[in-house]
Structure formats: structure tokens, C-alpha cells
Protein backbone atom coordinates (compact mmCIF):
# COMPACT_ATOMS: atom_id res chain seq x y z
CA MET A 1 0.00 0.00 0.00
CA GLY A 2 1.46 3.37 -1.04
CA LEU A 3 2.26 6.09 1.46
CA SER A 4 -0.26 8.46 -0.14
CA ASN A 5 -3.01 5.88 0.35
CA LEU A 6 -1.87 5.31 3.93
CA LYS A 7 -2.01 9.04 4.57
CA ARG A 8 -5.55 9.18 3.14
CA LYS A 9 -6.62 6.28 5.37
CA ALA A 10 -4.96 7.88 8.38
CA VAL A 11 -6.63 11.24 7.74
CA ASN A 12 -10.03 9.59 7.24
CA GLY A 13 -9.56 7.46 10.33
CA PHE A 14 -8.49 10.43 12.44
CA PHE A 15 -11.41 12.53 11.19
CA TRP A 16 -14.08 9.92 11.87
CA SER A 17 -12.61 8.99 15.25
CA MET A 18 -12.54 12.67 16.17
CA LEU A 19 -16.13 13.08 14.99
CA GLU A 20 -17.16 10.05 17.04
CA SER A 21 -15.65 11.64 20.14
CA ILE A 22 -17.34 14.97 19.46
CA LEU A 23 -20.77 13.44 18.82
CA SER A 24 -20.89 10.55 21.29
CA GLN A 25 -18.78 12.00 24.09
CA GLY A 26 -20.25 15.44 23.56
CA GLN A 27 -23.70 13.94 24.02
CA GLY A 28 -22.40 11.96 26.98
CA MET A 29 -21.16 15.13 28.65
CA ILE A 30 -24.47 16.91 28.06
CA PHE A 31 -26.49 14.04 29.48
CA GLY A 32 -23.99 13.75 32.34
CA ILE A 33 -24.44 17.43 33.19
CA PHE A 34 -28.20 17.01 33.50
CA LEU A 35 -27.74 13.84 35.56
CA ALA A 36 -25.28 15.63 37.87
CA ARG A 37 -27.92 18.29 38.52
CA MET A 38 -30.64 15.71 39.13
CA LEU A 39 -28.61 13.26 41.24
CA SER A 40 -26.38 13.68 44.27
CA PRO A 41 -22.58 13.25 44.44
CA GLY A 42 -23.22 10.26 46.71
CA GLU A 43 -25.15 8.43 44.00
CA PHE A 44 -22.25 8.90 41.59
CA GLY A 45 -19.98 7.67 44.37
CA LEU A 46 -21.92 4.40 44.70
CA VAL A 47 -21.31 3.63 41.03
CA GLY A 48 -17.65 4.56 41.49
CA MET A 49 -17.34 1.94 44.23
CA ILE A 50 -18.08 -0.95 41.84
CA THR A 51 -16.21 0.49 38.86
CA ILE A 52 -12.91 -1.22 39.70
CA PHE A 53 -14.43 -4.72 39.62
CA ILE A 54 -16.36 -4.28 36.37
CA SER A 55 -13.41 -2.56 34.69
CA ILE A 56 -11.04 -5.42 35.53
CA ALA A 57 -13.55 -7.97 34.22
CA GLN A 58 -13.94 -6.07 30.95
CA VAL A 59 -10.16 -6.10 30.47
CA PHE A 60 -10.16 -9.88 30.86
CA VAL A 61 -12.85 -10.21 28.20
CA ASP A 62 -10.63 -8.54 25.64
CA SER A 63 -7.44 -10.23 26.94
CA GLY A 64 -5.37 -8.22 24.44
CA LEU A 65 -6.70 -10.51 21.71
CA SER A 66 -8.26 -7.71 19.66
CA GLN A 67 -4.87 -6.00 19.46
CA ALA A 68 -3.35 -9.25 18.28
CA LEU A 69 -5.95 -9.50 15.50
CA ILE A 70 -5.33 -5.90 14.43
CA GLY A 71 -1.58 -6.52 14.33
CA LYS A 72 -1.93 -9.64 12.17
CA GLN A 73 -2.16 -8.55 8.54
CA ASN A 74 -3.98 -11.58 7.09
CA CYS A 75 -6.62 -12.81 9.50
CA THR A 76 -8.87 -15.71 8.45
CA ARG A 77 -12.40 -16.63 9.50
CA LEU A 78 -10.82 -19.22 11.75
CA ASP A 79 -8.84 -16.49 13.53
CA TYR A 80 -11.95 -14.44 14.15
CA SER A 81 -14.14 -17.37 15.20
CA THR A 82 -11.52 -18.68 17.61
CA ILE A 83 -11.19 -15.35 19.39
CA PHE A 84 -14.96 -14.80 19.33
CA TRP A 85 -15.69 -18.01 21.26
CA ALA A 86 -12.80 -17.32 23.62
CA ASN A 87 -14.26 -13.90 24.39
CA ILE A 88 -17.71 -15.35 25.03
CA PHE A 89 -16.31 -17.93 27.45
CA ILE A 90 -14.24 -15.36 29.33
CA GLY A 91 -17.18 -12.93 29.46
CA VAL A 92 -19.53 -15.50 31.02
CA LEU A 93 -16.87 -16.59 33.51
CA ALA A 94 -16.09 -12.98 34.51
CA TYR A 95 -19.78 -12.20 34.99
CA LEU A 96 -20.34 -15.24 37.22
CA ILE A 97 -17.34 -14.37 39.39
CA ILE A 98 -18.58 -10.81 39.96
CA TRP A 99 -22.14 -12.04 40.56
CA PHE A 100 -20.99 -14.35 43.37
CA CYS A 101 -18.61 -11.70 44.78
CA ALA A 102 -21.29 -8.99 44.95
CA PRO A 103 -22.13 -9.60 48.67
CA PHE A 104 -18.44 -9.36 49.61
CA ILE A 105 -18.05 -6.10 47.65
CA ALA A 106 -21.06 -4.63 49.45
CA GLY A 107 -19.71 -5.85 52.79
CA PHE A 108 -16.31 -4.25 52.21
CA TYR A 109 -17.86 -0.83 51.66
CA GLN A 110 -20.64 -1.51 54.20
CA LYS A 111 -23.22 -0.56 51.57
CA PRO A 112 -25.87 -3.33 51.23
CA GLU A 113 -27.42 -1.62 48.20
CA LEU A 114 -24.29 -2.44 46.21
CA ILE A 115 -25.26 -6.14 45.98
CA GLN A 116 -28.00 -5.65 43.40
CA LEU A 117 -26.18 -2.75 41.75
CA THR A 118 -23.09 -4.89 41.17
CA LYS A 119 -25.01 -7.88 39.83
CA PHE A 120 -27.04 -5.78 37.43
CA ALA A 121 -24.28 -3.43 36.24
CA SER A 122 -21.97 -6.34 35.41
CA ILE A 123 -24.36 -7.54 32.68
CA ALA A 124 -22.49 -5.01 30.53
CA ILE A 125 -19.56 -7.45 30.57
CA LEU A 126 -21.62 -10.13 28.83
CA ILE A 127 -22.96 -7.72 26.22
CA GLY A 128 -19.50 -6.35 25.47
CA SER A 129 -18.06 -9.82 24.86
CA LEU A 130 -20.54 -10.37 22.01
CA THR A 131 -19.26 -7.60 19.74
CA LEU A 132 -15.52 -7.44 20.23
CA ILE A 133 -14.80 -9.09 16.87
CA GLN A 134 -17.18 -6.86 14.92
CA GLN A 135 -15.53 -3.77 16.36
CA THR A 136 -12.06 -5.20 15.76
CA ILE A 137 -12.84 -5.81 12.08
CA LEU A 138 -14.07 -2.22 11.68
CA ILE A 139 -10.92 -0.86 13.32
CA LYS A 140 -8.73 -3.13 11.23
CA GLU A 141 -10.44 -1.82 8.08
CA ILE A 142 -10.12 1.75 9.48
CA ASP A 143 -13.89 2.08 9.08
CA PHE A 144 -14.40 4.61 11.83
CA LYS A 145 -17.32 6.15 9.96
CA THR A 146 -19.51 3.16 10.87
CA ILE A 147 -18.23 3.17 14.44
CA THR A 148 -19.12 6.86 14.67
CA LYS A 149 -22.71 6.29 13.58
CA ILE A 150 -23.20 3.39 15.97
CA SER A 151 -21.63 5.22 18.90
CA THR A 152 -23.62 8.41 18.30
CA ILE A 153 -26.98 6.64 18.11
CA SER A 154 -26.40 4.41 21.14
CA THR A 155 -25.13 7.32 23.27
CA PHE A 156 -28.18 9.44 22.45
CA PHE A 157 -30.82 6.84 23.25
CA SER A 158 -29.08 5.58 26.39
CA GLY A 159 -28.78 9.18 27.59
CA VAL A 160 -32.49 9.82 27.04
CA VAL A 161 -33.37 6.65 28.96
CA SER A 162 -31.14 7.66 31.91
CA LEU A 163 -32.68 11.15 32.09
CA LEU A 164 -36.21 9.74 32.08
CA LEU A 165 -35.31 7.33 34.86
CA ALA A 166 -33.58 10.02 36.93
CA TYR A 167 -36.56 12.36 36.49
CA ASN A 168 -38.88 9.62 37.75
CA GLY A 169 -36.84 9.03 40.90
CA PHE A 170 -34.76 5.97 40.02
CA GLY A 171 -31.63 7.62 41.43
CA VAL A 172 -28.42 5.65 41.05
CA TRP A 173 -30.17 3.04 38.88
CA SER A 174 -30.48 5.61 36.10
CA LEU A 175 -26.67 5.59 35.85
CA VAL A 176 -26.55 1.80 35.63
CA TRP A 177 -29.29 1.61 33.00
CA ARG A 178 -27.48 4.24 30.94
CA THR A 179 -24.47 1.93 30.58
CA LEU A 180 -26.53 -1.19 29.85
CA VAL A 181 -28.74 0.45 27.21
CA ASN A 182 -25.65 1.92 25.53
CA GLN A 183 -23.94 -1.48 25.36
CA ALA A 184 -27.08 -3.26 24.17
CA LEU A 185 -27.69 -0.78 21.33
CA ARG A 186 -24.04 -0.88 20.26
CA SER A 187 -24.17 -4.67 20.17
CA PHE A 188 -27.40 -4.76 18.16
CA MET A 189 -26.13 -2.29 15.54
CA MET A 190 -22.70 -3.92 15.28
CA TRP A 191 -24.29 -7.29 14.53
CA ARG A 192 -26.74 -5.78 12.08
CA HIS A 193 -24.02 -3.98 10.16
CA SER A 194 -21.38 -6.72 10.19
CA HIS A 195 -20.99 -9.13 7.30
CA TRP A 196 -19.05 -11.49 9.54
CA LEU A 197 -20.68 -14.37 11.40
CA PRO A 198 -18.90 -16.81 13.71
CA GLN A 199 -18.34 -20.40 12.72
CA TRP A 200 -18.57 -23.38 15.06
CA VAL A 201 -14.81 -23.80 15.03
CA PHE A 202 -12.01 -23.21 17.51
CA SER A 203 -8.26 -23.54 17.00
CA LYS A 204 -6.10 -23.99 20.08
CA LYS A 205 -3.02 -23.21 17.99
CA LEU A 206 -4.41 -19.89 16.78
CA PHE A 207 -5.70 -18.99 20.23
CA PHE A 208 -2.29 -19.43 21.82
CA GLU A 209 -0.65 -17.62 18.89
CA HIS A 210 -2.83 -14.56 19.49
CA PHE A 211 -2.65 -14.92 23.26
CA SER A 212 1.16 -14.94 23.17
CA PHE A 213 0.96 -11.46 21.62
CA GLY A 214 -1.98 -10.26 23.71
CA SER A 215 -0.90 -11.67 27.07
CA ASN A 216 1.56 -8.86 27.70
CA ILE A 217 -1.09 -6.30 26.78
CA LEU A 218 -3.60 -8.16 28.98
CA LEU A 219 -1.31 -8.08 32.01
CA ILE A 220 -0.54 -4.40 31.54
CA SER A 221 -4.20 -3.56 30.97
CA ILE A 222 -5.10 -5.33 34.21
CA ILE A 223 -2.42 -3.46 36.15
CA ALA A 224 -3.42 -0.18 34.50
CA VAL A 225 -7.11 -0.54 35.28
CA ILE A 226 -6.34 -1.60 38.86
CA TYR A 227 -4.17 1.46 39.40
CA LYS A 228 -6.71 3.66 37.63
CA SER A 229 -9.61 2.32 39.67
CA ILE A 230 -7.78 1.89 42.95
CA TYR A 231 -8.23 5.59 43.57
CA ASN A 232 -11.99 4.92 43.74
CA PHE A 233 -11.25 1.97 46.00
CA ILE A 234 -9.15 4.03 48.42
CA ILE A 235 -11.38 7.10 48.44
CA GLY A 236 -14.54 5.01 48.78
CA LYS A 237 -13.12 3.12 51.75
CA ASN A 238 -11.46 6.03 53.59
CA TYR A 239 -13.90 8.83 52.81
CA SER A 240 -17.63 9.16 52.21
CA GLU A 241 -19.42 8.31 48.97
CA THR A 242 -19.90 12.08 48.54
CA VAL A 243 -16.14 12.69 48.37
CA LEU A 244 -15.84 9.75 45.98
CA GLY A 245 -18.59 11.36 43.92
CA TYR A 246 -16.53 14.57 43.66
CA TYR A 247 -13.49 12.60 42.53
CA THR A 248 -15.50 10.39 40.15
CA ASN A 249 -17.03 13.31 38.29
CA ALA A 250 -13.79 15.31 38.26
CA ASP A 251 -11.99 12.29 36.84
CA GLN A 252 -14.75 11.55 34.33
CA TYR A 253 -14.92 15.02 32.84
CA SER A 254 -11.18 15.63 32.87
CA SER A 255 -10.49 12.28 31.23
CA ILE A 256 -13.20 12.42 28.54
CA PRO A 257 -11.20 14.59 26.09
CA SER A 258 -7.90 12.97 26.99
CA ILE A 259 -9.10 9.37 26.79
CA ASN A 260 -10.90 10.00 23.54
CA LEU A 261 -7.89 11.70 21.99
CA THR A 262 -5.69 8.86 23.25
CA ASN A 263 -8.08 6.24 21.87
CA ILE A 264 -8.21 8.03 18.52
CA THR A 265 -4.42 8.05 18.45
CA ALA A 266 -4.16 4.37 19.34
CA LYS A 267 -6.97 3.14 17.08
CA VAL A 268 -5.80 5.07 14.02
CA SER A 269 -2.02 4.93 14.45
CA PHE A 270 -1.67 1.19 15.12
CA PRO A 271 -3.34 -0.21 11.97
CA VAL A 272 -1.90 2.55 9.76
CA LEU A 273 1.64 2.42 11.13
CA SER A 274 1.58 -1.39 10.96
CA GLU A 275 1.68 -1.00 7.17
CA MET A 276 5.17 0.55 7.43
CA GLN A 277 6.51 -1.50 10.33
CA HIS A 278 9.71 -2.45 8.47
CA ASP A 279 10.55 1.12 7.35
CA ASN A 280 11.95 2.96 10.36
CA GLU A 281 12.49 6.23 8.50
CA SER A 282 8.86 6.40 7.34
CA LEU A 283 7.71 5.40 10.81
CA ARG A 284 9.73 8.15 12.45
CA VAL A 285 8.51 10.83 10.03
CA SER A 286 4.88 9.77 10.41
CA ILE A 287 5.07 9.60 14.21
CA ARG A 288 6.70 13.04 14.48
CA LYS A 289 3.87 14.55 12.47
CA LEU A 290 1.32 12.63 14.53
CA ILE A 291 2.80 13.93 17.79
CA LYS A 292 2.76 17.56 16.69
CA THR A 293 -0.88 17.33 15.59
CA ILE A 294 -2.25 15.27 18.48
CA MET A 295 -0.43 17.18 21.23
CA TYR A 296 -1.53 20.50 19.75
CA VAL A 297 -5.12 19.42 20.32
CA SER A 298 -4.44 17.79 23.70
CA PHE A 299 -2.65 20.72 25.34
CA ILE A 300 -5.13 23.30 24.07
CA ILE A 301 -8.14 21.37 25.36
CA MET A 302 -6.72 20.12 28.68
CA PHE A 303 -4.96 23.32 29.79
CA GLY A 304 -7.96 25.36 28.66
CA LEU A 305 -10.36 23.24 30.73
CA ALA A 306 -8.14 23.64 33.81
CA ALA A 307 -8.13 27.42 33.31
CA ILE A 308 -11.94 27.79 33.16
CA ALA A 309 -12.77 25.03 35.68
CA HIS A 310 -14.37 27.15 38.42
CA PRO A 311 -16.99 29.00 36.36
CA LEU A 312 -17.46 25.89 34.20
CA PHE A 313 -18.44 23.69 37.15
CA TYR A 314 -20.61 26.40 38.68
CA VAL A 315 -22.58 26.97 35.48
CA LEU A 316 -22.88 23.34 34.36
CA PHE A 317 -23.20 21.36 37.59
CA GLY A 318 -24.19 23.86 40.25
CA GLU A 319 -22.60 25.06 43.47
CA LYS A 320 -22.81 21.64 45.14
CA TRP A 321 -20.04 20.34 42.81
CA LEU A 322 -17.48 23.14 43.41
CA PRO A 323 -15.34 21.02 45.81
CA ALA A 324 -14.46 18.91 42.76
CA VAL A 325 -12.81 21.86 40.93
CA PRO A 326 -9.22 21.56 42.32
CA ILE A 327 -9.26 17.82 41.62
CA PHE A 328 -10.50 18.47 38.09
CA GLN A 329 -7.75 21.05 37.41
CA ALA A 330 -4.97 18.76 38.61
CA LEU A 331 -6.28 15.82 36.58
CA CYS A 332 -6.50 17.97 33.44
CA CYS A 333 -2.78 18.72 33.79
CA ALA A 334 -2.08 15.03 34.40
CA TYR A 335 -4.04 13.73 31.44
CA ALA A 336 -2.72 16.30 28.95
CA ILE A 337 0.31 14.07 28.30
CA THR A 338 -1.51 10.72 27.97
CA PRO A 339 -1.65 10.70 24.12
CA MET A 340 2.14 10.42 24.22
CA HIS A 341 1.76 7.16 26.13
CA ALA A 342 -0.46 5.79 23.34
CA ILE A 343 1.94 6.87 20.60
CA ASN A 344 4.93 5.16 22.22
CA HIS A 345 2.82 2.07 22.92
CA SER A 346 1.91 1.96 19.23
CA ILE A 347 5.61 1.95 18.39
CA PHE A 348 6.14 -1.11 20.60
CA LYS A 349 3.19 -2.96 19.07
CA VAL A 350 4.04 -2.01 15.47
CA LYS A 351 7.59 -3.31 15.93
CA GLY A 352 6.27 -6.56 17.42
CA ARG A 353 7.60 -5.82 20.93
CA PRO A 354 4.64 -6.04 23.32
CA ASP A 355 7.17 -7.24 25.91
CA LEU A 356 8.49 -3.66 26.09
CA PHE A 357 4.92 -2.51 26.65
CA LEU A 358 4.82 -4.82 29.67
CA LYS A 359 8.28 -3.84 30.90
CA THR A 360 7.74 -0.09 30.80
CA GLU A 361 4.34 -0.29 32.44
CA LEU A 362 5.68 -2.43 35.28
CA ILE A 363 8.48 0.07 35.86
CA LYS A 364 5.97 2.93 35.96
CA TYR A 365 3.67 1.24 38.45
CA ILE A 366 6.53 0.17 40.70
CA LEU A 367 7.71 3.78 40.83
CA PHE A 368 4.16 5.02 41.42
CA THR A 369 3.40 2.69 44.34
CA PRO A 370 5.18 4.90 46.95
CA LEU A 371 3.15 7.89 45.75
CA LEU A 372 -0.01 5.83 46.12
CA ILE A 373 0.92 4.83 49.66
CA LEU A 374 1.63 8.46 50.55
CA GLY A 375 -1.79 9.36 49.21
CA VAL A 376 -3.45 6.77 51.45
CA TYR A 377 -1.77 8.17 54.56
CA PHE A 378 -1.66 11.90 53.83
CA GLY A 379 -4.94 12.50 52.06
CA LEU A 380 -6.64 13.20 48.78
CA THR A 381 -4.41 16.14 47.79
CA ILE A 382 -1.24 14.04 47.87
CA LEU A 383 -3.03 11.25 46.01
CA VAL A 384 -4.02 13.60 43.17
CA ILE A 385 -0.50 15.10 42.99
CA GLY A 386 0.79 11.55 42.67
CA ILE A 387 -1.46 11.01 39.65
CA VAL A 388 0.04 14.08 37.96
CA VAL A 389 3.60 12.90 38.62
CA PHE A 390 2.78 9.37 37.47
CA ASN A 391 1.43 10.47 34.09
CA TRP A 392 4.33 12.77 33.21
CA LEU A 393 7.06 10.50 34.55
CA GLY A 394 5.45 7.53 32.84
CA TYR A 395 5.75 9.16 29.42
CA LEU A 396 9.53 9.54 29.84
CA ILE A 397 9.86 5.85 30.71
CA ASN A 398 7.85 4.83 27.62
CA SER A 399 9.92 6.99 25.31
CA PHE A 400 13.21 5.40 26.43
CA TYR A 401 12.66 2.28 24.32
CA SER A 402 11.32 4.16 21.31
CA GLU A 403 14.85 5.42 20.74
CA GLN A 404 16.12 1.85 20.52
CA LEU A 405 13.37 0.75 18.12
CA ILE A 406 13.17 3.64 15.64
CA ASN A 407 15.88 6.06 16.81
CA TYR A 408 13.36 8.59 18.13
CA SER A 409 14.39 9.51 21.66
CA GLY A 410 12.32 10.99 24.47
CA LEU A 411 14.32 14.22 24.18
CA ALA A 412 13.53 14.46 20.47
CA GLN A 413 9.86 13.86 21.22
CA TRP A 414 9.95 16.50 23.94
CA LEU A 415 11.49 19.05 21.58
CA ASP A 416 8.73 18.32 19.08
CA PHE A 417 5.85 19.02 21.46
CA PHE A 418 7.37 21.47 23.99
CA PRO A 419 6.73 24.59 21.85
CA ILE A 420 3.11 23.48 21.46
CA MET A 421 2.85 23.02 25.24
CA LEU A 422 4.00 26.61 25.75
CA LEU A 423 1.59 27.81 23.06
CA SER A 424 -1.39 26.60 25.09
CA GLY A 425 0.04 26.64 28.63
CA ILE A 426 0.88 30.35 28.82
CA PRO A 427 -2.52 31.55 27.47
CA ALA A 428 -4.30 29.12 29.82
CA PHE A 429 -2.42 30.53 32.81
CA LEU A 430 -3.28 34.08 31.75
CA ILE A 431 -6.96 33.21 31.34
CA TRP A 432 -7.05 31.54 34.75
CA GLY A 433 -5.46 34.64 36.27
CA LEU A 434 -8.01 36.83 34.52
CA GLY A 435 -10.80 34.99 36.33
CA VAL A 436 -9.06 35.42 39.70
CA ILE A 437 -8.19 39.13 39.34
CA PHE A 438 -11.49 40.25 37.81
CA PRO A 439 -14.23 38.19 39.48
CA VAL A 440 -17.63 38.52 37.83
CA ASP A 441 -20.69 36.29 37.80
CA PRO A 442 -19.81 32.71 36.71
CA LEU A 443 -21.69 32.73 33.39
CA THR A 444 -20.09 35.99 32.24
CA ALA A 445 -16.65 34.83 33.43
CA LEU A 446 -17.01 31.57 31.53
CA GLY A 447 -17.96 33.30 28.29
CA ILE A 448 -15.14 35.86 28.53
CA GLN A 449 -12.50 33.24 29.40
CA ILE A 450 -13.47 30.88 26.58
CA LEU A 451 -13.55 33.61 23.92
CA ALA A 452 -10.30 35.17 25.11
CA TYR A 453 -8.48 31.83 25.30
CA PHE A 454 -9.36 30.67 21.82
CA ALA A 455 -8.73 34.13 20.37
CA ILE A 456 -5.20 34.06 21.80
CA ILE A 457 -4.60 30.48 20.62
CA LEU A 458 -5.86 31.30 17.11
CA GLY A 459 -3.75 34.43 16.93
CA ILE A 460 -0.57 32.65 18.02
CA SER A 461 -1.21 29.70 15.68
CA VAL A 462 -1.60 32.01 12.68
CA LEU A 463 1.20 34.39 13.69
CA PHE A 464 3.77 31.60 14.14
CA ARG A 465 2.27 29.43 11.40
CA ILE A 466 1.92 26.34 13.59
CA PRO A 467 1.87 23.32 11.18
CA ALA A 468 -0.62 21.36 13.32
CA PHE A 469 -3.14 24.20 13.09
CA TYR A 470 -3.05 24.19 9.30
CA GLU A 471 -3.10 20.39 9.17
CA ILE A 472 -6.27 20.22 11.27
CA THR A 473 -7.83 23.12 9.37
CA ALA A 474 -7.21 21.34 6.07
CA ILE A 475 -8.81 18.13 7.35
CA LEU A 476 -11.89 19.99 8.57
CA LYS A 477 -12.23 22.00 5.35
CA ASN A 478 -11.99 18.83 3.30
CA LYS A 479 -14.50 16.88 5.38
CA PHE A 480 -17.04 19.53 6.29
CA THR A 481 -18.21 20.23 2.77
CA PHE A 482 -21.84 20.00 1.71
CA ILE A 483 -21.20 16.85 -0.32
CA ASN A 484 -19.38 15.08 2.51
CA ILE A 485 -22.03 16.04 5.06
CA VAL A 486 -24.71 14.55 2.79
CA LYS A 487 -22.62 11.41 2.34
CA THR A 488 -22.14 11.15 6.10
CA PHE A 489 -25.82 10.87 6.90
CA LYS A 490 -26.96 9.09 3.73
CA PRO A 491 -27.77 5.44 4.52
CA GLN A 492 -25.65 2.91 2.67
CA ASP A 493 -26.54 -0.59 1.64
CA ASN A 494 -26.81 -3.03 4.56
CA GLU A 495 -26.66 -0.20 7.06
CA PHE A 496 -29.10 0.14 9.93
């Protein structure tokens, strides 16, 4: 496949993944805002208490096998069927384990209501195991347009259901039903769209071939989700569900843009870069351009959100959520660097070295454990500071091995994105200071800060001719034409 065709596929994939994030996550944020006004922080905290267990189970369902399928260039129906049945088996097993452990989870937190919540919420594990192959095939084909449509529709209808339930007094159950309806709709539409159907076959040889690649990713994913969710575990045990609710929402809304940008980076870069895995020079050039574009978006969004956090929370969620603002600001700074983790991880996977993925992640979590312990003993502030340190230090550890694989060192990566970090960091600091020095009502402050921030960013981007700005502008101009908009929403054959 020629480089020009790869670039076209990468641009299309990036555009549709970005559009999926805007439409589905944008809807998710809007529905979440209404739910936050209708429900209490404590009800969000109850869901946060069971998140760690369901998240770990969902990681086991995937087992890194989808990444193995994406990395293999010529997958057969036997490959897909083998992994499909493996996923189903693991999903059922994971669900049964959580179902039987539900009373112990409720006993640990001393919250009897968690028994039924845990049993019901974990049904999402079963539903997710049914569609992993369909989604993997779409990613492998870089068909993010279909994924965008499915995600947008399922997010909208699940959000409407959750609002109706919350309005009618279902409380925390409205949050659980939101997840289940979303998963069920995604599964239905994936199956309806897919041309692939499983066969009654299973190959032990192929399973272990894929598992040998995915096992390292599985182990790291388990460790990552444990460390990610252990904050909920610690806060839920040592503080009230209200404090956990503050942290849960601060983490959710600070991580939405970062996680989506990171997922876009990982989903698009891995299949595209896999096509040039034996050409280090092309890999290095493509990754440098990717870093400059992705980090331009990441720093602008994350630093900007931290700058406007106080009026933003007041206007969107109400005064009762203001204690979450400092947590939100710190997490925005922490998560601004996470796309760099995904880019370096893609390098490891493209070069067939998932063992380095495992090695670097283990090093990061070993170094982070003392910070975690300090957070347990000295409070929430130290715990959140530890998260910031972990994310930035972790990037440097990941980048160490990229130099060995494609001769692209952490210092070289830093020099590529540092000017972009300054471009957004300094205006964000000025805008934050503007809100402190000239206090006005929250709605006015929010409007002034947003307009001023983006005006400064736009001016600097044009003045210094930032390449990432023009790259993104070109993509948007090309895609948001009348013809392309019509094509986007025009039903195709065999579509839902």
C-alpha cells in the first residue's frame, strides 16, 4: 500500500474517530451534566465503588486478543471465530465471578445496596463480549465512519433513557441503565451492520498464537485498570461516597477529552503504522507529524479546561459540585500528556515488541506505588498530585525504548511538542489569572474566558504558522463540505 493511500486512510480514520468523540462523548457530557444536577454526588460515588471490579472484568474479556488481530495482517475466518468463542467464554466466567462476589463487595464498603447494583451493572460485561470481533474488524479496516454512527446513536438513546429514569426518581439506577442500554444498542447495531458471522470452530493453535501477543497487553491492561480504579477503591473506603462522587465526576470530565484523543491516536495509528513496520524512517517521520498534531489538540483542550474550571463547574453542575474543581484542574494537567503514552505504545506494538509494553508499564507502576501509599496516609491532595507525577514521569519511561526501536528519543519527542505546550500553557495561565483578578458572575466569566483563550490560541497559531493548526484546518475544510455532510448521513446498503 502506497504512502499516499496510507495518509488518506490515516486522515479519514483520524477525522471519523474525532467526529465520534465529538458526537458521542459530547452527548455523553451533556447528558452527564443534566444527571449531575438531578442526582447527588453520593449516587455517583456508589457507582464509582463498583467500577474497579467491572473494569477489571472487561479487560479480561478482551485479553489483548483484539490488538493481536489488528496486528496480524492476514486474519482468516478461523482467527476471528476462535477469538470470538474465547471472548464469550471469558465474558460468562467474569460475569459469574462478579455475581458471586457482589455480597463481599457490598460488605467491604458496608453498603448493602451495592449487591444488586453490582449484579445488574456487570451484565455489561456479557454484552461487550458479544461484539468485540465486529468492532475489531471495523478498526482493522479503518472504518471509523460506521463506528461513529453506531456510537452516536447508542449514546443518544441511552442518555435519554437515563434522564427519564432520573426524572422519575430511580436515582443511582439511572446511571446503571445508561451503561446497559448503551452497550445493548451498540451490540445490536454492530451485529446488524457486520458481514461477519462466527463459525462453530475453535483452533487452540491460533488462540495461543494470538494470546502470546496479547498476554503482555492483557497483564498491563489489568495493572493499568487496577491502578486507575484503585483511587476509587481508596477514596470510597477512607472517605464518604460524597467525596468519591466529587473525585469520580472530576476524573470523568477531565479524562473524557484525553481518553478519547488517546483512543483516537491508538486506534488510528496502530493499523496505519503497521503497514510501514519495516521502514523505520517512514515510521519516524509519520510519528513526528502525529505527535505535533495530536499534542496541539491535547494541550489546548486540557490546559484550557483547567483554566476555566471554576466557572465551568458552577454553570454546568451547580454550586454543590465546586469542591471537585481543584481535583479536576490537577487531573486535566495530568491527562494532557496521555496521548504520548499511546503513541509510544503503538511503536512497541508495530515493531512486534509487546514485551516492552509490559516492561515499561511495570516500571511505571513500581515507581508510582510509593506515591499511592503516601496518598493513602496523607490525604486526597497528595493522592491527586501523585497522579500528575505518574502520568508525566510515565511518558519519559515509555519513550526510552522508542529510541532503541526507531531512533526517536524521548528528548527528540519533547522538543517536538514542547513549543506546542507553551503555546497553550501560557494563554491558559493568563486566562485563569483573569478569572481570579477580575471576578464577575460565573456565566459571564465563563464566556469571557473561553472567547479570550481561543482568540489568543488562534492568533498565536496564525502568527507563528503552527503546522498542526493548518493540518487540522485542512482536514476539517476537506471533510465539512456539503457533499461530505450529505454522504455522512446518507444510509448505505446493509446499514441500519
